[in-house]
Structure formats: structure tokens, C-alpha cells
Amino acid sequence: MVRPDLAKWEQTLADLRRLSVAAEHPRTRERFLALYEIGAGHTNATQWAAAMKHDDNTVLKWVHTYNSLGPEAVTYQRSGGRPPLLRPNKSSKSLPR
């Protein structure tokens, strides 16, 4: 069973739990909560993925990324993608009536 390697990054389960509550972005909170639950033995990656409606490989990737690159690598970073359909108007001028 794949588990987070807490000793490698000098962290505890309490650290993962704290990060799952304090992280700014919801996706980062979800990732740290998954690492906490898996590390504590409450669940495994497959069970977590099924409960959260993720692919097994996604959750396994979070664990492997944490183990190889550390906690900073698990934080969510927007990777681009399609721009919003409607953008807010930057000028404060209103349209003439």
C-alpha cells in the first residue's frame, strides 16, 4: 500500500491535517486531507478516489508527488486552460443610453 513518506519531509500526521485545514485553495486542502487520511491508515488511495469521485491514478499521483518532491509540490497551481467566457469590464465608464 502506498503511503505518504512523512519522515522524509520531517512532517507528522498533525502537519498534514493542519495543511488540509489552513491551505488557501480548496484543491490543495483536498489533497492534504487525502494524504492525511491515507497516512493515518483510515483509507487507501483507491477508496479515497472512489469516495471523492476521482480516478485512482490521480490520488496515487498526489502521494507519489508528495513522496518524491515534498509538500510544496502538492499545492494547487492553475495550469492555464480556457479563459473565462465573460471577462469583467476593466474600465469604470458606463455605456451611453
PDB file of N, CA and C in Angstrom:
ATOM      1  N   MET A   1       0.838  -1.178   0.000  1.00  0.00           N
ATOM      2  CA  MET A   1       0.000   0.000   0.000  1.00  0.00           C
ATOM      3  C   MET A   1       0.892   1.254   0.000  1.00  0.00           C
ATOM      4  N   VAL A   2       0.540   2.196  -0.831  1.00  0.00           N
ATOM      5  CA  VAL A   2       1.302   3.437  -0.949  1.00  0.00           C
ATOM      6  C   VAL A   2       0.845   4.394   0.141  1.00  0.00           C
ATOM      7  N   ARG A   3       1.823   4.953   0.859  1.00  0.00           N
ATOM      8  CA  ARG A   3       1.538   5.914   1.930  1.00  0.00           C
ATOM      9  C   ARG A   3       2.488   7.098   1.821  1.00  0.00           C
ATOM     10  N   PRO A   4       2.078   8.246   2.332  1.00  0.00           N
ATOM     11  CA  PRO A   4       2.981   9.400   2.342  1.00  0.00           C
ATOM     12  C   PRO A   4       4.200   9.123   3.217  1.00  0.00           C
ATOM     13  N   ASP A   5       5.377   9.518   2.730  1.00  0.00           N
ATOM     14  CA  ASP A   5       6.625   9.340   3.472  1.00  0.00           C
ATOM     15  C   ASP A   5       6.865  10.591   4.319  1.00  0.00           C
ATOM     16  N   LEU A   6       6.248  10.610   5.487  1.00  0.00           N
ATOM     17  CA  LEU A   6       6.308  11.790   6.355  1.00  0.00           C
ATOM     18  C   LEU A   6       7.710  12.052   6.887  1.00  0.00           C
ATOM     19  N   ALA A   7       8.447  10.989   7.197  1.00  0.00           N
ATOM     20  CA  ALA A   7       9.780  11.144   7.765  1.00  0.00           C
ATOM     21  C   ALA A   7      10.732  11.832   6.783  1.00  0.00           C
ATOM     22  N   LYS A   8      10.579  11.541   5.520  1.00  0.00           N
ATOM     23  CA  LYS A   8      11.452  12.134   4.501  1.00  0.00           C
ATOM     24  C   LYS A   8      11.360  13.655   4.509  1.00  0.00           C
ATOM     25  N   TRP A   9      10.157  14.177   4.774  1.00  0.00           N
ATOM     26  CA  TRP A   9       9.930  15.626   4.740  1.00  0.00           C
ATOM     27  C   TRP A   9       9.794  16.212   6.140  1.00  0.00           C
ATOM     28  N   GLU A  10      10.156  15.405   7.150  1.00  0.00           N
ATOM     29  CA  GLU A  10      10.125  15.838   8.550  1.00  0.00           C
ATOM     30  C   GLU A  10       8.769  16.431   8.924  1.00  0.00           C
ATOM     31  N   GLN A  11       7.722  15.699   8.564  1.00  0.00           N
ATOM     32  CA  GLN A  11       6.369  16.110   8.897  1.00  0.00           C
ATOM     33  C   GLN A  11       5.687  15.015   9.702  1.00  0.00           C
ATOM     34  N   THR A  12       4.595  15.390  10.332  1.00  0.00           N
ATOM     35  CA  THR A  12       3.775  14.451  11.084  1.00  0.00           C
ATOM     36  C   THR A  12       2.376  14.436  10.478  1.00  0.00           C
ATOM     37  N   LEU A  13       1.567  13.502  10.940  1.00  0.00           N
ATOM     38  CA  LEU A  13       0.177  13.488  10.503  1.00  0.00           C
ATOM     39  C   LEU A  13      -0.525  14.779  10.910  1.00  0.00           C
ATOM     40  N   ALA A  14      -0.148  15.309  12.066  1.00  0.00           N
ATOM     41  CA  ALA A  14      -0.742  16.575  12.514  1.00  0.00           C
ATOM     42  C   ALA A  14      -0.412  17.707  11.546  1.00  0.00           C
ATOM     43  N   ASP A  15       0.786  17.689  10.971  1.00  0.00           N
ATOM     44  CA  ASP A  15       1.157  18.706   9.979  1.00  0.00           C
ATOM     45  C   ASP A  15       0.268  18.602   8.743  1.00  0.00           C
ATOM     46  N   LEU A  16       0.036  17.382   8.268  1.00  0.00           N
ATOM     47  CA  LEU A  16      -0.830  17.194   7.102  1.00  0.00           C
ATOM     48  C   LEU A  16      -2.257  17.640   7.411  1.00  0.00           C
ATOM     49  N   ARG A  17      -2.720  17.328   8.599  1.00  0.00           N
ATOM     50  CA  ARG A  17      -4.072  17.742   8.995  1.00  0.00           C
ATOM     51  C   ARG A  17      -4.171  19.263   9.040  1.00  0.00           C
ATOM     52  N   ARG A  18      -3.151  19.914   9.605  1.00  0.00           N
ATOM     53  CA  ARG A  18      -3.134  21.379   9.676  1.00  0.00           C
ATOM     54  C   ARG A  18      -3.152  21.977   8.274  1.00  0.00           C
ATOM     55  N   LEU A  19      -2.356  21.426   7.367  1.00  0.00           N
ATOM     56  CA  LEU A  19      -2.319  21.920   5.992  1.00  0.00           C
ATOM     57  C   LEU A  19      -3.649  21.694   5.285  1.00  0.00           C
ATOM     58  N   SER A  20      -4.351  20.616   5.623  1.00  0.00           N
ATOM     59  CA  SER A  20      -5.638  20.346   4.985  1.00  0.00           C
ATOM     60  C   SER A  20      -6.711  21.326   5.432  1.00  0.00           C
ATOM     61  N   VAL A  21      -6.493  21.977   6.552  1.00  0.00           N
ATOM     62  CA  VAL A  21      -7.454  22.962   7.050  1.00  0.00           C
ATOM     63  C   VAL A  21      -7.034  24.378   6.663  1.00  0.00           C
ATOM     64  N   ALA A  22      -5.728  24.640   6.675  1.00  0.00           N
ATOM     65  CA  ALA A  22      -5.234  26.007   6.519  1.00  0.00           C
ATOM     66  C   ALA A  22      -4.905  26.411   5.085  1.00  0.00           C
ATOM     67  N   ALA A  23      -4.831  25.475   4.170  1.00  0.00           N
ATOM     68  CA  ALA A  23      -4.447  25.817   2.793  1.00  0.00           C
ATOM     69  C   ALA A  23      -5.472  26.756   2.172  1.00  0.00           C
ATOM     70  N   GLU A  24      -4.985  27.638   1.334  1.00  0.00           N
ATOM     71  CA  GLU A  24      -5.837  28.666   0.740  1.00  0.00           C
ATOM     72  C   GLU A  24      -6.818  28.109  -0.293  1.00  0.00           C
ATOM     73  N   HIS A  25      -6.353  27.236  -1.161  1.00  0.00           N
ATOM     74  CA  HIS A  25      -7.183  26.747  -2.264  1.00  0.00           C
ATOM     75  C   HIS A  25      -7.881  25.431  -1.884  1.00  0.00           C
ATOM     76  N   PRO A  26      -9.147  25.274  -2.251  1.00  0.00           N
ATOM     77  CA  PRO A  26      -9.875  24.040  -1.916  1.00  0.00           C
ATOM     78  C   PRO A  26      -9.223  22.768  -2.463  1.00  0.00           C
ATOM     79  N   ARG A  27      -8.621  22.847  -3.633  1.00  0.00           N
ATOM     80  CA  ARG A  27      -7.970  21.651  -4.194  1.00  0.00           C
ATOM     81  C   ARG A  27      -6.743  21.261  -3.380  1.00  0.00           C
ATOM     82  N   THR A  28      -6.030  22.245  -2.876  1.00  0.00           N
ATOM     83  CA  THR A  28      -4.879  21.950  -2.020  1.00  0.00           C
ATOM     84  C   THR A  28      -5.351  21.335  -0.714  1.00  0.00           C
ATOM     85  N   ARG A  29      -6.433  21.869  -0.143  1.00  0.00           N
ATOM     86  CA  ARG A  29      -6.976  21.302   1.099  1.00  0.00           C
ATOM     87  C   ARG A  29      -7.384  19.847   0.888  1.00  0.00           C
ATOM     88  N   GLU A  30      -8.023  19.563  -0.248  1.00  0.00           N
ATOM     89  CA  GLU A  30      -8.441  18.196  -0.541  1.00  0.00           C
ATOM     90  C   GLU A  30      -7.242  17.253  -0.652  1.00  0.00           C
ATOM     91  N   ARG A  31      -6.206  17.701  -1.295  1.00  0.00           N
ATOM     92  CA  ARG A  31      -5.012  16.856  -1.476  1.00  0.00           C
ATOM     93  C   ARG A  31      -4.352  16.541  -0.143  1.00  0.00           C
ATOM     94  N   PHE A  32      -4.201  17.555   0.721  1.00  0.00           N
ATOM     95  CA  PHE A  32      -3.587  17.304   2.021  1.00  0.00           C
ATOM     96  C   PHE A  32      -4.484  16.457   2.915  1.00  0.00           C
ATOM     97  N   LEU A  33      -5.797  16.620   2.797  1.00  0.00           N
ATOM     98  CA  LEU A  33      -6.696  15.768   3.569  1.00  0.00           C
ATOM     99  C   LEU A  33      -6.576  14.320   3.107  1.00  0.00           C
ATOM    100  N   ALA A  34      -6.469  14.103   1.805  1.00  0.00           N
ATOM    101  CA  ALA A  34      -6.277  12.744   1.290  1.00  0.00           C
ATOM    102  C   ALA A  34      -4.975  12.155   1.824  1.00  0.00           C
ATOM    103  N   LEU A  35      -3.902  12.934   1.792  1.00  0.00           N
ATOM    104  CA  LEU A  35      -2.617  12.449   2.314  1.00  0.00           C
ATOM    105  C   LEU A  35      -2.717  12.119   3.801  1.00  0.00           C
ATOM    106  N   TYR A  36      -3.421  12.961   4.541  1.00  0.00           N
ATOM    107  CA  TYR A  36      -3.606  12.711   5.974  1.00  0.00           C
ATOM    108  C   TYR A  36      -4.367  11.409   6.201  1.00  0.00           C
ATOM    109  N   GLU A  37      -5.511  11.252   5.527  1.00  0.00           N
ATOM    110  CA  GLU A  37      -6.347  10.054   5.718  1.00  0.00           C
ATOM    111  C   GLU A  37      -5.613   8.784   5.302  1.00  0.00           C
ATOM    112  N   ILE A  38      -4.868   8.859   4.208  1.00  0.00           N
ATOM    113  CA  ILE A  38      -4.108   7.690   3.743  1.00  0.00           C
ATOM    114  C   ILE A  38      -2.958   7.399   4.708  1.00  0.00           C
ATOM    115  N   GLY A  39      -2.255   8.445   5.129  1.00  0.00           N
ATOM    116  CA  GLY A  39      -1.139   8.271   6.057  1.00  0.00           C
ATOM    117  C   GLY A  39      -1.571   7.727   7.408  1.00  0.00           C
ATOM    118  N   ALA A  40      -2.758   8.131   7.866  1.00  0.00           N
ATOM    119  CA  ALA A  40      -3.267   7.667   9.157  1.00  0.00           C
ATOM    120  C   ALA A  40      -3.816   6.247   9.071  1.00  0.00           C
ATOM    121  N   GLY A  41      -3.976   5.726   7.863  1.00  0.00           N
ATOM    122  CA  GLY A  41      -4.495   4.379   7.693  1.00  0.00           C
ATOM    123  C   GLY A  41      -6.011   4.309   7.747  1.00  0.00           C
ATOM    124  N   HIS A  42      -6.684   5.454   7.693  1.00  0.00           N
ATOM    125  CA  HIS A  42      -8.149   5.472   7.702  1.00  0.00           C
ATOM    126  C   HIS A  42      -8.723   4.993   6.373  1.00  0.00           C
ATOM    127  N   THR A  43      -7.963   5.148   5.314  1.00  0.00           N
ATOM    128  CA  THR A  43      -8.403   4.763   3.978  1.00  0.00           C
ATOM    129  C   THR A  43      -7.165   4.496   3.127  1.00  0.00           C
ATOM    130  N   ASN A  44      -7.380   4.054   1.909  1.00  0.00           N
ATOM    131  CA  ASN A  44      -6.267   3.950   0.971  1.00  0.00           C
ATOM    132  C   ASN A  44      -6.596   4.805  -0.256  1.00  0.00           C
ATOM    133  N   ALA A  45      -5.673   4.904  -1.170  1.00  0.00           N
ATOM    134  CA  ALA A  45      -5.846   5.797  -2.321  1.00  0.00           C
ATOM    135  C   ALA A  45      -7.041   5.390  -3.176  1.00  0.00           C
ATOM    136  N   THR A  46      -7.264   4.109  -3.339  1.00  0.00           N
ATOM    137  CA  THR A  46      -8.375   3.641  -4.162  1.00  0.00           C
ATOM    138  C   THR A  46      -9.717   3.982  -3.516  1.00  0.00           C
ATOM    139  N   GLN A  47      -9.836   3.755  -2.224  1.00  0.00           N
ATOM    140  CA  GLN A  47     -11.071   4.075  -1.511  1.00  0.00           C
ATOM    141  C   GLN A  47     -11.336   5.587  -1.512  1.00  0.00           C
ATOM    142  N   TRP A  48     -10.274   6.365  -1.280  1.00  0.00           N
ATOM    143  CA  TRP A  48     -10.425   7.824  -1.280  1.00  0.00           C
ATOM    144  C   TRP A  48     -10.884   8.308  -2.651  1.00  0.00           C
ATOM    145  N   ALA A  49     -10.260   7.781  -3.692  1.00  0.00           N
ATOM    146  CA  ALA A  49     -10.620   8.189  -5.052  1.00  0.00           C
ATOM    147  C   ALA A  49     -12.086   7.873  -5.342  1.00  0.00           C
ATOM    148  N   ALA A  50     -12.546   6.717  -4.949  1.00  0.00           N
ATOM    149  CA  ALA A  50     -13.936   6.340  -5.188  1.00  0.00           C
ATOM    150  C   ALA A  50     -14.891   7.246  -4.412  1.00  0.00           C
ATOM    151  N   ALA A  51     -14.552   7.541  -3.166  1.00  0.00           N
ATOM    152  CA  ALA A  51     -15.421   8.386  -2.329  1.00  0.00           C
ATOM    153  C   ALA A  51     -15.494   9.820  -2.854  1.00  0.00           C
ATOM    154  N   MET A  52     -14.398  10.323  -3.384  1.00  0.00           N
ATOM    155  CA  MET A  52     -14.337  11.711  -3.857  1.00  0.00           C
ATOM    156  C   MET A  52     -14.587  11.831  -5.362  1.00  0.00           C
ATOM    157  N   LYS A  53     -14.890  10.687  -6.002  1.00  0.00           N
ATOM    158  CA  LYS A  53     -15.163  10.647  -7.442  1.00  0.00           C
ATOM    159  C   LYS A  53     -13.974  11.131  -8.280  1.00  0.00           C
ATOM    160  N   HIS A  54     -12.788  10.654  -7.906  1.00  0.00           N
ATOM    161  CA  HIS A  54     -11.566  10.904  -8.655  1.00  0.00           C
ATOM    162  C   HIS A  54     -11.088   9.580  -9.238  1.00  0.00           C
ATOM    163  N   ASP A  55     -10.239   9.667 -10.212  1.00  0.00           N
ATOM    164  CA  ASP A  55      -9.590   8.474 -10.741  1.00  0.00           C
ATOM    165  C   ASP A  55      -8.545   8.007  -9.726  1.00  0.00           C
ATOM    166  N   ASP A  56      -8.371   6.695  -9.610  1.00  0.00           N
ATOM    167  CA  ASP A  56      -7.370   6.143  -8.686  1.00  0.00           C
ATOM    168  C   ASP A  56      -5.993   6.731  -8.943  1.00  0.00           C
ATOM    169  N   ASN A  57      -5.638   6.856 -10.216  1.00  0.00           N
ATOM    170  CA  ASN A  57      -4.310   7.347 -10.576  1.00  0.00           C
ATOM    171  C   ASN A  57      -4.081   8.784 -10.121  1.00  0.00           C
ATOM    172  N   THR A  58      -5.130   9.572 -10.043  1.00  0.00           N
ATOM    173  CA  THR A  58      -4.995  10.955  -9.590  1.00  0.00           C
ATOM    174  C   THR A  58      -4.530  10.987  -8.143  1.00  0.00           C
ATOM    175  N   VAL A  59      -5.195  10.226  -7.297  1.00  0.00           N
ATOM    176  CA  VAL A  59      -4.844  10.212  -5.880  1.00  0.00           C
ATOM    177  C   VAL A  59      -3.472   9.567  -5.677  1.00  0.00           C
ATOM    178  N   LEU A  60      -3.198   8.511  -6.408  1.00  0.00           N
ATOM    179  CA  LEU A  60      -1.863   7.897  -6.317  1.00  0.00           C
ATOM    180  C   LEU A  60      -0.780   8.886  -6.740  1.00  0.00           C
ATOM    181  N   LYS A  61      -1.078   9.698  -7.736  1.00  0.00           N
ATOM    182  CA  LYS A  61      -0.115  10.702  -8.188  1.00  0.00           C
ATOM    183  C   LYS A  61       0.161  11.724  -7.078  1.00  0.00           C
ATOM    184  N   TRP A  62      -0.867  12.104  -6.324  1.00  0.00           N
ATOM    185  CA  TRP A  62      -0.652  13.038  -5.209  1.00  0.00           C
ATOM    186  C   TRP A  62       0.324  12.438  -4.196  1.00  0.00           C
ATOM    187  N   VAL A  63       0.132  11.165  -3.877  1.00  0.00           N
ATOM    188  CA  VAL A  63       1.005  10.508  -2.895  1.00  0.00           C
ATOM    189  C   VAL A  63       2.427  10.407  -3.438  1.00  0.00           C
ATOM    190  N   HIS A  64       2.567   9.976  -4.685  1.00  0.00           N
ATOM    191  CA  HIS A  64       3.905   9.848  -5.275  1.00  0.00           C
ATOM    192  C   HIS A  64       4.590  11.214  -5.400  1.00  0.00           C
ATOM    193  N   THR A  65       3.830  12.235  -5.765  1.00  0.00           N
ATOM    194  CA  THR A  65       4.401  13.581  -5.877  1.00  0.00           C
ATOM    195  C   THR A  65       4.875  14.068  -4.520  1.00  0.00           C
ATOM    196  N   TYR A  66       4.055  13.861  -3.496  1.00  0.00           N
ATOM    197  CA  TYR A  66       4.456  14.240  -2.138  1.00  0.00           C
ATOM    198  C   TYR A  66       5.728  13.499  -1.739  1.00  0.00           C
ATOM    199  N   ASN A  67       5.767  12.202  -1.987  1.00  0.00           N
ATOM    200  CA  ASN A  67       6.920  11.396  -1.584  1.00  0.00           C
ATOM    201  C   ASN A  67       8.198  11.785  -2.310  1.00  0.00           C
ATOM    202  N   SER A  68       8.097  12.161  -3.561  1.00  0.00           N
ATOM    203  CA  SER A  68       9.315  12.454  -4.318  1.00  0.00           C
ATOM    204  C   SER A  68       9.708  13.933  -4.293  1.00  0.00           C
ATOM    205  N   LEU A  69       8.729  14.837  -4.241  1.00  0.00           N
ATOM    206  CA  LEU A  69       9.052  16.271  -4.356  1.00  0.00           C
ATOM    207  C   LEU A  69       8.699  17.107  -3.136  1.00  0.00           C
ATOM    208  N   GLY A  70       7.920  16.556  -2.215  1.00  0.00           N
ATOM    209  CA  GLY A  70       7.598  17.265  -0.990  1.00  0.00           C
ATOM    210  C   GLY A  70       6.243  17.945  -0.999  1.00  0.00           C
ATOM    211  N   PRO A  71       5.894  18.544   0.138  1.00  0.00           N
ATOM    212  CA  PRO A  71       4.561  19.129   0.287  1.00  0.00           C
ATOM    213  C   PRO A  71       4.284  20.311  -0.639  1.00  0.00           C
ATOM    214  N   GLU A  72       5.299  21.073  -0.993  1.00  0.00           N
ATOM    215  CA  GLU A  72       5.082  22.213  -1.884  1.00  0.00           C
ATOM    216  C   GLU A  72       4.597  21.771  -3.257  1.00  0.00           C
ATOM    217  N   ALA A  73       5.006  20.590  -3.666  1.00  0.00           N
ATOM    218  CA  ALA A  73       4.640  20.093  -4.996  1.00  0.00           C
ATOM    219  C   ALA A  73       3.178  19.660  -5.072  1.00  0.00           C
ATOM    220  N   VAL A  74       2.530  19.479  -3.932  1.00  0.00           N
ATOM    221  CA  VAL A  74       1.145  19.022  -3.915  1.00  0.00           C
ATOM    222  C   VAL A  74       0.166  20.201  -3.944  1.00  0.00           C
ATOM    223  N   THR A  75       0.650  21.401  -3.663  1.00  0.00           N
ATOM    224  CA  THR A  75      -0.244  22.554  -3.663  1.00  0.00           C
ATOM    225  C   THR A  75      -0.745  22.831  -5.075  1.00  0.00           C
ATOM    226  N   TYR A  76      -1.998  23.253  -5.149  1.00  0.00           N
ATOM    227  CA  TYR A  76      -2.632  23.506  -6.449  1.00  0.00           C
ATOM    228  C   TYR A  76      -2.047  24.763  -7.083  1.00  0.00           C
ATOM    229  N   GLN A  77      -1.761  24.672  -8.367  1.00  0.00           N
ATOM    230  CA  GLN A  77      -1.320  25.821  -9.155  1.00  0.00           C
ATOM    231  C   GLN A  77      -2.105  25.794 -10.458  1.00  0.00           C
ATOM    232  N   ARG A  78      -2.732  26.901 -10.764  1.00  0.00           N
ATOM    233  CA  ARG A  78      -3.507  26.964 -12.009  1.00  0.00           C
ATOM    234  C   ARG A  78      -2.561  26.742 -13.181  1.00  0.00           C
ATOM    235  N   SER A  79      -2.947  25.836 -14.045  1.00  0.00           N
ATOM    236  CA  SER A  79      -2.067  25.467 -15.153  1.00  0.00           C
ATOM    237  C   SER A  79      -2.504  26.049 -16.486  1.00  0.00           C
ATOM    238  N   GLY A  80      -3.402  26.980 -16.432  1.00  0.00           N
ATOM    239  CA  GLY A  80      -3.855  27.581 -17.680  1.00  0.00           C
ATOM    240  C   GLY A  80      -5.250  27.122 -18.007  1.00  0.00           C
ATOM    241  N   GLY A  81      -5.425  26.730 -19.212  1.00  0.00           N
ATOM    242  CA  GLY A  81      -6.747  26.299 -19.622  1.00  0.00           C
ATOM    243  C   GLY A  81      -7.487  27.413 -20.326  1.00  0.00           C
ATOM    244  N   ARG A  82      -8.699  27.167 -20.586  1.00  0.00           N
ATOM    245  CA  ARG A  82      -9.533  28.094 -21.327  1.00  0.00           C
ATOM    246  C   ARG A  82      -9.815  29.345 -20.490  1.00  0.00           C
ATOM    247  N   PRO A  83      -9.714  30.526 -21.102  1.00  0.00           N
ATOM    248  CA  PRO A  83     -10.029  31.750 -20.358  1.00  0.00           C
ATOM    249  C   PRO A  83     -11.538  31.840 -20.108  1.00  0.00           C
ATOM    250  N   PRO A  84     -11.947  32.646 -19.117  1.00  0.00           N
ATOM    251  CA  PRO A  84     -13.371  32.772 -18.832  1.00  0.00           C
ATOM    252  C   PRO A  84     -14.147  33.261 -20.052  1.00  0.00           C
ATOM    253  N   LEU A  85     -15.387  32.823 -20.184  1.00  0.00           N
ATOM    254  CA  LEU A  85     -16.223  33.206 -21.304  1.00  0.00           C
ATOM    255  C   LEU A  85     -16.514  34.706 -21.285  1.00  0.00           C
ATOM    256  N   LEU A  86     -16.858  35.201 -20.122  1.00  0.00           N
ATOM    257  CA  LEU A  86     -17.125  36.630 -19.963  1.00  0.00           C
ATOM    258  C   LEU A  86     -16.086  37.217 -19.021  1.00  0.00           C
ATOM    259  N   ARG A  87     -15.476  38.265 -19.457  1.00  0.00           N
ATOM    260  CA  ARG A  87     -14.482  38.927 -18.619  1.00  0.00           C
ATOM    261  C   ARG A  87     -15.078  40.211 -18.057  1.00  0.00           C
ATOM    262  N   PRO A  88     -14.732  40.539 -16.825  1.00  0.00           N
ATOM    263  CA  PRO A  88     -15.253  41.791 -16.279  1.00  0.00           C
ATOM    264  C   PRO A  88     -14.683  42.986 -17.033  1.00  0.00           C
ATOM    265  N   ASN A  89     -15.503  44.007 -17.195  1.00  0.00           N
ATOM    266  CA  ASN A  89     -15.086  45.227 -17.896  1.00  0.00           C
ATOM    267  C   ASN A  89     -14.091  45.975 -17.010  1.00  0.00           C
ATOM    268  N   LYS A  90     -12.902  46.245 -17.519  1.00  0.00           N
ATOM    269  CA  LYS A  90     -11.851  46.892 -16.745  1.00  0.00           C
ATOM    270  C   LYS A  90     -12.067  48.401 -16.615  1.00  0.00           C
ATOM    271  N   SER A  91     -12.771  49.000 -17.553  1.00  0.00           N
ATOM    272  CA  SER A  91     -12.985  50.429 -17.460  1.00  0.00           C
ATOM    273  C   SER A  91     -14.205  50.702 -16.571  1.00  0.00           C
ATOM    274  N   SER A  92     -14.164  51.796 -15.891  1.00  0.00           N
ATOM    275  CA  SER A  92     -15.266  52.117 -14.981  1.00  0.00           C
ATOM    276  C   SER A  92     -16.323  52.965 -15.701  1.00  0.00           C
ATOM    277  N   LYS A  93     -16.138  53.234 -16.981  1.00  0.00           N
ATOM    278  CA  LYS A  93     -17.108  54.017 -17.742  1.00  0.00           C
ATOM    279  C   LYS A  93     -18.335  53.182 -18.037  1.00  0.00           C
ATOM    280  N   SER A  94     -19.484  53.810 -17.956  1.00  0.00           N
ATOM    281  CA  SER A  94     -20.711  53.085 -18.285  1.00  0.00           C
ATOM    282  C   SER A  94     -21.081  53.361 -19.728  1.00  0.00           C
ATOM    283  N   LEU A  95     -21.840  52.495 -20.292  1.00  0.00           N
ATOM    284  CA  LEU A  95     -22.263  52.656 -21.694  1.00  0.00           C
ATOM    285  C   LEU A  95     -23.292  53.761 -21.799  1.00  0.00           C
ATOM    286  N   PRO A  96     -23.269  54.532 -22.895  1.00  0.00           N
ATOM    287  CA  PRO A  96     -24.268  55.585 -23.073  1.00  0.00           C
ATOM    288  C   PRO A  96     -25.643  54.966 -23.283  1.00  0.00           C
ATOM    289  N   ARG A  97     -26.651  55.681 -22.853  1.00  0.00           N
ATOM    290  CA  ARG A  97     -28.034  55.189 -23.006  1.00  0.00           C
ATOM    291  C   ARG A  97     -28.742  55.856 -24.115  1.00  0.00           C
TER     292      ARG A  97
END
